[in-house]
Amino acid sequence: SHPIAIEAMKEAARITFLEIKDYVRAVRYYKLVIQYSPSEQDRMEAQQQLASLYFEGLQDYANVAIEYSKLASSTSIESERASHKLSVARSYY
């Protein structure tokens, strides 16, 4: 994917989540970043924002658990993995 398109998707996701608060549209943008960005850092940040969006914006706890589980399985850093697993557990309460 073209770098400018990736940056546009990231900015659109940020604006729709944090400023406009159109959470459904923000989910779509973050998923596009995860799918198309060649940058692992971009994908991980988008995955983290997606989990936050499901938790804070949509209170969709089933998807919170799914997204944090993905984050936990995609990191090799034990402290991050533990933090993501704790977030999965919190999504059930």
Protein backbone atom coordinates (compact mmCIF):
# COMPACT_ATOMS: atom_id res chain seq x y z
CA SER A 1 0.00 0.00 0.00
CA HIS A 2 1.07 3.54 -0.65
CA PRO A 3 2.60 5.33 2.39
CA ILE A 4 0.37 8.39 1.94
CA ALA A 5 -2.75 6.19 1.94
CA ILE A 6 -1.60 4.49 5.16
CA GLU A 7 -1.01 7.87 6.83
CA ALA A 8 -4.44 9.05 5.67
CA MET A 9 -6.08 5.94 7.16
CA LYS A 10 -4.24 6.43 10.46
CA GLU A 11 -5.28 10.08 10.65
CA ALA A 12 -8.88 9.27 9.67
CA ALA A 13 -9.00 6.61 12.41
CA ARG A 14 -7.63 9.04 14.99
CA ILE A 15 -10.04 11.83 14.05
CA THR A 16 -13.12 9.60 13.92
CA PHE A 17 -12.26 7.96 17.26
CA LEU A 18 -11.00 10.86 19.35
CA GLU A 19 -12.58 13.96 17.84
CA ILE A 20 -15.76 13.01 15.99
CA LYS A 21 -16.44 9.96 18.17
CA ASP A 22 -17.85 7.98 15.25
CA TYR A 23 -16.72 4.69 16.73
CA VAL A 24 -18.15 2.40 14.07
CA ARG A 25 -16.30 4.26 11.31
CA ALA A 26 -13.13 4.38 13.43
CA VAL A 27 -13.23 0.58 13.74
CA ARG A 28 -13.22 0.32 9.94
CA TYR A 29 -10.23 2.66 9.61
CA TYR A 30 -8.18 0.88 12.27
CA LYS A 31 -8.90 -2.46 10.64
CA LEU A 32 -7.68 -1.06 7.31
CA VAL A 33 -4.44 0.09 8.93
CA ILE A 34 -3.97 -3.36 10.48
CA GLN A 35 -4.65 -5.04 7.16
CA TYR A 36 -2.62 -2.84 4.83
CA SER A 37 0.22 -1.17 6.73
CA PRO A 38 3.62 -2.72 6.07
CA SER A 39 4.83 -1.30 9.40
CA GLU A 40 4.56 -3.67 12.36
CA GLN A 41 4.57 -0.67 14.70
CA ASP A 42 1.61 0.90 12.84
CA ARG A 43 -0.28 -2.39 12.96
CA MET A 44 0.38 -2.88 16.68
CA GLU A 45 -0.63 0.70 17.51
CA ALA A 46 -3.81 0.33 15.44
CA GLN A 47 -4.58 -2.97 17.20
CA GLN A 48 -4.12 -1.26 20.58
CA GLN A 49 -6.36 1.64 19.56
CA LEU A 50 -8.95 -0.79 18.24
CA ALA A 51 -9.02 -2.58 21.61
CA SER A 52 -9.36 0.78 23.39
CA LEU A 53 -12.11 1.81 21.01
CA TYR A 54 -14.10 -1.35 21.66
CA PHE A 55 -13.64 -0.88 25.41
CA GLU A 56 -14.12 2.87 25.87
CA GLY A 57 -16.25 3.84 22.91
CA LEU A 58 -18.46 0.87 22.16
CA GLN A 59 -18.38 -1.14 25.40
CA ASP A 60 -18.14 -4.21 23.16
CA TYR A 61 -16.37 -6.47 25.64
CA ALA A 62 -16.38 -9.58 23.47
CA ASN A 63 -14.34 -7.71 20.86
CA VAL A 64 -12.15 -6.18 23.58
CA ALA A 65 -11.18 -9.70 24.62
CA ILE A 66 -10.50 -10.70 21.01
CA GLU A 67 -8.32 -7.66 20.26
CA TYR A 68 -6.29 -7.89 23.47
CA SER A 69 -5.82 -11.63 22.87
CA LYS A 70 -4.40 -10.79 19.44
CA LEU A 71 -2.05 -8.26 21.03
CA ALA A 72 -0.96 -10.75 23.70
CA SER A 73 -0.16 -13.41 21.13
CA SER A 74 1.73 -11.02 18.85
CA THR A 75 4.31 -9.74 21.33
CA SER A 76 7.42 -11.46 22.60
CA ILE A 77 7.84 -9.02 25.50
CA GLU A 78 6.58 -10.78 28.61
CA SER A 79 5.47 -7.63 30.44
CA GLU A 80 3.39 -6.53 27.43
CA ARG A 81 1.91 -10.01 27.08
CA ALA A 82 0.93 -10.02 30.77
CA SER A 83 -0.63 -6.56 30.46
CA HIS A 84 -2.69 -7.61 27.44
CA LYS A 85 -3.82 -10.80 29.18
CA LEU A 86 -4.92 -8.73 32.17
CA SER A 87 -6.92 -6.53 29.80
CA VAL A 88 -8.59 -9.64 28.39
CA ALA A 89 -9.55 -10.69 31.93
CA ARG A 90 -10.89 -7.21 32.72
CA SER A 91 -13.10 -7.29 29.64
CA TYR A 92 -15.09 -10.10 31.23
CA TYR A 93 -16.02 -8.05 34.33
